[in-house]
Protein backbone atom coordinates (compact mmCIF):
# COMPACT_ATOMS: atom_id res chain seq x y z
CA MET A 1 0.85 -27.63 32.64
CA SER A 2 -0.13 -24.50 30.70
CA ARG A 3 -2.87 -22.41 32.25
CA SER A 4 -3.57 -20.45 29.04
CA PRO A 5 -7.02 -20.91 27.48
CA LEU A 6 -7.30 -23.75 24.99
CA TYR A 7 -8.10 -21.39 22.13
CA GLU A 8 -4.84 -19.51 22.75
CA ARG A 9 -2.90 -22.75 22.53
CA VAL A 10 -4.58 -23.69 19.25
CA GLU A 11 -3.98 -20.16 17.94
CA SER A 12 -0.31 -20.31 18.98
CA VAL A 13 0.34 -23.62 17.23
CA LEU A 14 -1.32 -22.47 13.99
CA ALA A 15 0.47 -19.12 14.10
CA GLY A 16 3.75 -20.99 14.55
CA ASP A 17 2.99 -23.20 11.56
CA ILE A 18 2.39 -20.05 9.50
CA ALA A 19 5.57 -18.37 10.76
CA ASP A 20 7.87 -21.33 10.03
CA GLY A 21 6.42 -21.95 6.58
CA SER A 22 4.62 -25.19 7.40
CA LEU A 23 1.48 -23.34 6.29
CA PRO A 24 2.66 -21.03 3.46
CA PRO A 25 0.55 -18.19 2.03
CA GLU A 26 -2.59 -19.28 0.15
CA THR A 27 -2.65 -22.65 1.94
CA GLN A 28 -6.11 -23.71 3.05
CA LEU A 29 -6.38 -24.60 6.73
CA PRO A 30 -7.90 -27.97 7.63
CA SER A 31 -11.64 -28.00 8.07
CA GLU A 32 -13.22 -27.21 11.42
CA ASP A 33 -13.74 -30.94 11.96
CA GLY A 34 -10.09 -31.57 11.11
CA LEU A 35 -8.89 -29.00 13.64
CA VAL A 36 -11.23 -30.35 16.32
CA ALA A 37 -9.75 -33.82 15.76
CA ARG A 38 -6.15 -32.59 15.67
CA PHE A 39 -6.28 -30.53 18.85
CA LYS A 40 -8.99 -32.56 20.63
CA VAL A 41 -10.93 -29.42 21.55
CA SER A 42 -14.46 -28.16 20.99
CA ARG A 43 -15.75 -26.35 17.91
CA THR A 44 -16.15 -23.21 20.01
CA THR A 45 -12.45 -23.31 20.88
CA VAL A 46 -11.44 -23.78 17.23
CA ARG A 47 -13.70 -20.94 16.10
CA LYS A 48 -12.26 -18.58 18.71
CA ALA A 49 -8.70 -19.46 17.66
CA ILE A 50 -9.52 -18.86 13.99
CA GLN A 51 -11.24 -15.57 14.83
CA ASN A 52 -8.09 -14.39 16.60
CA LEU A 53 -5.91 -15.38 13.64
CA VAL A 54 -8.23 -13.43 11.34
CA GLU A 55 -7.95 -10.37 13.58
CA ARG A 56 -4.15 -10.69 13.47
CA GLY A 57 -4.28 -10.75 9.67
CA LEU A 58 -2.71 -14.21 9.46
CA VAL A 59 -5.68 -15.94 7.83
CA GLU A 60 -8.83 -14.97 6.01
CA VAL A 61 -12.18 -16.71 5.68
CA ARG A 62 -13.40 -16.96 2.09
CA ARG A 63 -17.11 -17.53 2.00
CA GLY A 64 -18.00 -20.90 0.53
CA LYS A 65 -14.34 -21.93 0.20
CA GLY A 66 -12.71 -22.14 3.62
CA THR A 67 -9.97 -20.46 5.65
CA PHE A 68 -6.69 -19.56 3.96
CA VAL A 69 -3.30 -18.27 5.06
CA THR A 70 -2.86 -14.67 3.89
CA GLN A 71 0.11 -13.13 2.16
CA PRO A 72 2.15 -11.20 4.74
CA LYS A 73 1.65 -7.45 4.46
CA ILE A 74 4.49 -5.15 3.57
CA THR A 75 4.76 -2.09 5.80
CA GLN A 76 5.91 0.96 3.88
CA GLU A 77 6.76 4.28 5.48
CA LEU A 78 5.60 7.52 3.91
CA THR A 79 8.34 9.81 5.17
CA GLU A 80 10.19 10.87 2.02
CA LEU A 81 9.87 10.87 -1.76
CA THR A 82 10.99 7.45 -2.97
CA GLY A 83 10.12 5.12 -5.83
CA PHE A 84 8.87 1.54 -5.73
CA VAL A 85 12.30 0.02 -6.38
CA GLU A 86 13.89 1.99 -3.55
CA ASP A 87 11.03 1.10 -1.20
CA MET A 88 11.19 -2.63 -1.87
CA GLN A 89 14.97 -2.81 -1.74
CA ALA A 90 14.90 -1.06 1.64
CA LEU A 91 12.55 -3.81 2.86
CA GLY A 92 14.78 -6.60 1.56
CA ARG A 93 12.39 -7.46 -1.28
CA THR A 94 13.30 -8.02 -4.93
CA PRO A 95 11.45 -5.48 -7.13
CA THR A 96 10.59 -6.15 -10.76
CA ALA A 97 8.23 -4.59 -13.26
CA ARG A 98 6.07 -5.67 -16.16
CA LEU A 99 5.31 -3.05 -18.82
CA LEU A 100 1.71 -3.22 -20.03
CA ASP A 101 1.71 -0.33 -22.48
CA LYS A 102 3.16 3.08 -23.33
CA ARG A 103 1.41 5.61 -25.51
CA VAL A 104 0.91 9.26 -26.36
CA LEU A 105 -2.57 10.57 -25.63
CA ALA A 106 -4.46 13.77 -24.87
CA ALA A 107 -4.45 14.78 -21.23
CA ASP A 108 -7.86 14.85 -19.60
CA GLU A 109 -8.70 17.60 -17.13
CA VAL A 110 -7.30 15.73 -14.12
CA VAL A 111 -3.98 14.85 -15.75
CA ALA A 112 -3.65 18.31 -17.26
CA ARG A 113 -4.24 19.99 -13.91
CA HIS A 114 -1.61 17.90 -12.14
CA LEU A 115 0.98 18.54 -14.85
CA ALA A 116 0.06 22.23 -15.18
CA LEU A 117 -0.92 21.79 -18.83
CA ALA A 118 -3.92 22.77 -20.90
CA PRO A 119 -6.53 20.00 -21.25
CA GLY A 120 -5.99 18.11 -24.48
CA THR A 121 -2.22 18.61 -24.44
CA LEU A 122 -0.42 15.45 -25.57
CA VAL A 123 1.30 13.51 -22.78
CA VAL A 124 2.94 10.10 -22.46
CA ARG A 125 1.20 7.46 -20.35
CA LEU A 126 3.03 4.41 -19.02
CA ARG A 127 1.21 1.46 -17.48
CA ARG A 128 3.20 -1.02 -15.42
CA VAL A 129 2.67 -3.75 -12.86
CA ARG A 130 5.18 -3.55 -10.01
CA LEU A 131 6.11 -6.79 -8.27
CA ALA A 132 7.90 -7.67 -5.03
CA ASP A 133 9.45 -11.15 -4.92
CA GLY A 134 7.34 -12.02 -7.94
CA VAL A 135 4.01 -10.97 -6.39
CA ALA A 136 2.07 -8.17 -8.09
CA MET A 137 1.84 -5.32 -5.58
CA SER A 138 0.89 -2.26 -7.56
CA PHE A 139 -0.61 -1.23 -10.89
CA ASP A 140 0.95 2.11 -11.86
CA GLU A 141 -0.24 4.67 -14.37
CA THR A 142 2.44 7.31 -14.96
CA TYR A 143 1.85 10.51 -16.95
CA LEU A 144 4.72 12.66 -18.20
CA PRO A 145 4.93 15.78 -20.39
CA ARG A 146 5.32 14.56 -23.98
CA GLU A 147 8.89 15.64 -24.72
CA LEU A 148 10.27 14.19 -21.52
CA GLY A 149 7.95 11.20 -21.59
CA GLU A 150 9.02 10.13 -25.07
CA LYS A 151 12.64 10.08 -23.89
CA ILE A 152 11.72 7.99 -20.87
CA ALA A 153 9.68 5.59 -23.03
CA GLU A 154 12.74 4.76 -25.15
CA ASN A 155 14.32 2.96 -22.21
CA ASP A 156 13.77 -0.54 -20.82
CA LEU A 157 11.02 0.30 -18.33
CA GLU A 158 10.96 -3.23 -16.94
CA ALA A 159 14.53 -2.79 -15.74
CA GLU A 160 15.02 0.96 -15.20
CA PRO A 161 12.91 2.94 -12.70
CA VAL A 162 11.37 6.16 -13.99
CA PHE A 163 12.66 8.15 -11.01
CA ALA A 164 16.24 7.00 -11.70
CA LEU A 165 15.93 7.85 -15.39
CA LEU A 166 14.61 11.31 -14.63
CA GLU A 167 17.37 12.10 -12.17
CA MET A 168 20.38 10.26 -13.55
CA LYS A 169 19.86 10.27 -17.31
CA TYR A 170 17.71 13.31 -18.05
CA ASP A 171 18.97 15.72 -15.38
CA THR A 172 15.53 16.28 -13.86
CA ALA A 173 15.81 16.66 -10.11
CA LEU A 174 12.86 15.42 -8.06
CA LEU A 175 12.55 17.73 -5.09
CA GLU A 176 9.15 17.03 -3.55
CA ALA A 177 5.78 15.46 -4.22
CA GLU A 178 2.15 15.80 -3.24
CA TYR A 179 0.46 12.58 -2.14
CA LYS A 180 -3.25 11.85 -2.00
CA LEU A 181 -4.18 8.45 -0.59
CA GLU A 182 -7.65 6.93 -0.37
CA ALA A 183 -9.31 3.57 0.04
CA SER A 184 -10.87 2.41 -3.19
CA ALA A 185 -12.02 -0.66 -5.11
CA ALA A 186 -10.15 -2.13 -8.05
CA ASP A 187 -11.78 -1.38 -11.39
CA LEU A 188 -11.61 -3.93 -14.20
CA VAL A 189 -8.28 -2.61 -15.56
CA ALA A 190 -6.53 -2.54 -12.18
CA ALA A 191 -8.04 -5.88 -11.15
CA GLN A 192 -6.80 -7.61 -14.29
CA ALA A 193 -3.33 -6.11 -13.90
CA LEU A 194 -3.11 -7.17 -10.24
CA GLN A 195 -4.79 -10.55 -10.83
CA VAL A 196 -7.51 -9.92 -8.26
CA SER A 197 -11.28 -9.75 -8.46
CA ALA A 198 -12.88 -6.50 -9.60
CA GLY A 199 -13.98 -4.59 -6.52
CA SER A 200 -11.10 -5.88 -4.37
CA PRO A 201 -9.82 -3.33 -1.83
CA ILE A 202 -6.92 -1.19 -2.97
CA PHE A 203 -5.05 1.89 -1.84
CA LEU A 204 -5.22 4.51 -4.57
CA ILE A 205 -2.35 6.98 -4.36
CA GLU A 206 -2.18 10.05 -6.57
CA ARG A 207 1.36 11.39 -6.57
CA THR A 208 2.57 14.51 -8.34
CA SER A 209 6.34 15.01 -8.30
CA TYR A 210 7.96 18.41 -8.77
CA THR A 211 11.34 19.55 -10.06
CA THR A 212 13.06 22.91 -9.76
CA GLY A 213 10.86 25.96 -10.07
CA ASN A 214 7.95 24.02 -8.58
CA ARG A 215 7.33 22.48 -12.00
CA PRO A 216 5.35 19.19 -12.05
CA VAL A 217 7.05 16.54 -14.19
CA ASP A 218 5.46 13.26 -13.14
CA TYR A 219 1.85 12.46 -12.21
CA GLU A 220 1.01 8.93 -11.10
CA ARG A 221 -1.99 6.88 -10.08
CA LEU A 222 -0.71 3.99 -7.99
CA HIS A 223 -3.12 1.14 -7.25
CA TYR A 224 -1.71 -0.93 -4.36
CA ARG A 225 -3.29 -4.20 -3.27
CA GLY A 226 -4.99 -3.52 0.05
CA ASP A 227 -4.40 -7.07 1.27
CA LEU A 228 -0.64 -6.93 0.79
CA ILE A 229 0.53 -3.56 2.05
CA ARG A 230 0.04 -1.02 4.81
CA PHE A 231 1.32 2.53 4.92
CA VAL A 232 2.65 4.20 8.03
CA THR A 233 3.94 7.66 8.79
CA ARG A 234 5.07 9.63 11.82
CA LEU A 235 3.76 13.13 12.40
CA ALA A 236 5.23 15.87 14.56
CA ARG A 237 2.92 18.26 16.37
CA ARG A 238 3.53 21.91 15.61
CA PRO A 239 4.58 23.89 18.72
CA ARG A 240 1.85 26.23 19.91
CA ALA A 241 2.35 29.34 21.99
CA PRO A 242 0.05 29.48 25.03
CA THR A 243 -2.79 31.92 24.49
CA GLN A 244 -4.71 31.56 27.71
CA SER A 245 -4.52 29.79 31.02
CA TRP A 246 -7.16 28.25 33.23
CA HIS A 247 -7.08 28.22 37.03
CA ALA A 248 -9.03 25.92 39.26
CA GLU A 249 -11.10 27.65 41.95
CA PRO A 250 -11.00 26.22 45.47
CA SER A 251 -14.41 24.68 44.85
CA GLY A 252 -13.01 22.75 41.88
CA ALA A 253 -14.80 24.91 39.30
CA LEU A 254 -12.81 26.44 36.47
CA SER A 255 -12.35 30.19 36.44
CA THR A 256 -12.49 32.30 33.34
CA PRO A 257 -9.26 32.48 31.35
CA SER A 258 -6.75 35.08 32.39
CA PRO A 259 -6.08 37.85 29.90
């Protein structure tokens, strides 16, 4: 007979149901009374099991509605300059895109600064929703210098990635990029594009990509759904030459550093 606590057993069964698809994403869990009856345990046990599932990110409690199975998060590494299509294909997902609009407009101060242009210079803006396995993951705003951007805009942007077009069709090498990532809340435009409520948590990434001569050619604002993705990276510590040493005195006190 298992010696594990009852709440762990309830948690394990529900987690298994989620893992094998018996409880797919967005499914509402039975009520607290229903779980008490199913497992023949106390309310306290059920609540502890649900709390653990919430902490594991497997379910979420929606106030006034109930407890629902969450969409599994995608883990994306930030270790090199890649586009959405490359990222999703590497994870075994099927990437698609939906073009919302493309237009020429005057660059505001932020866009102009990232593209090394004078404010008011005309640029091309592309707005797309990026999907993985049919689920909207990111709302992307891409800004390109006008001449290059108008060439890009002539293509089927629901089928051809911008990075691939730049490199393969328009001979614009992408050598490096600057990333800025912050937690934010979806504004009305991003929320509508991602089909979430305004104010929902998102990761906002500003990415400026550079070609030869350190020339910026692509500035993007990427709004990723915070409930569907996590970003990870691995950092190396820079070697440091020793500058001073400390010696313990017999009494256990530290001496002054040696010259």
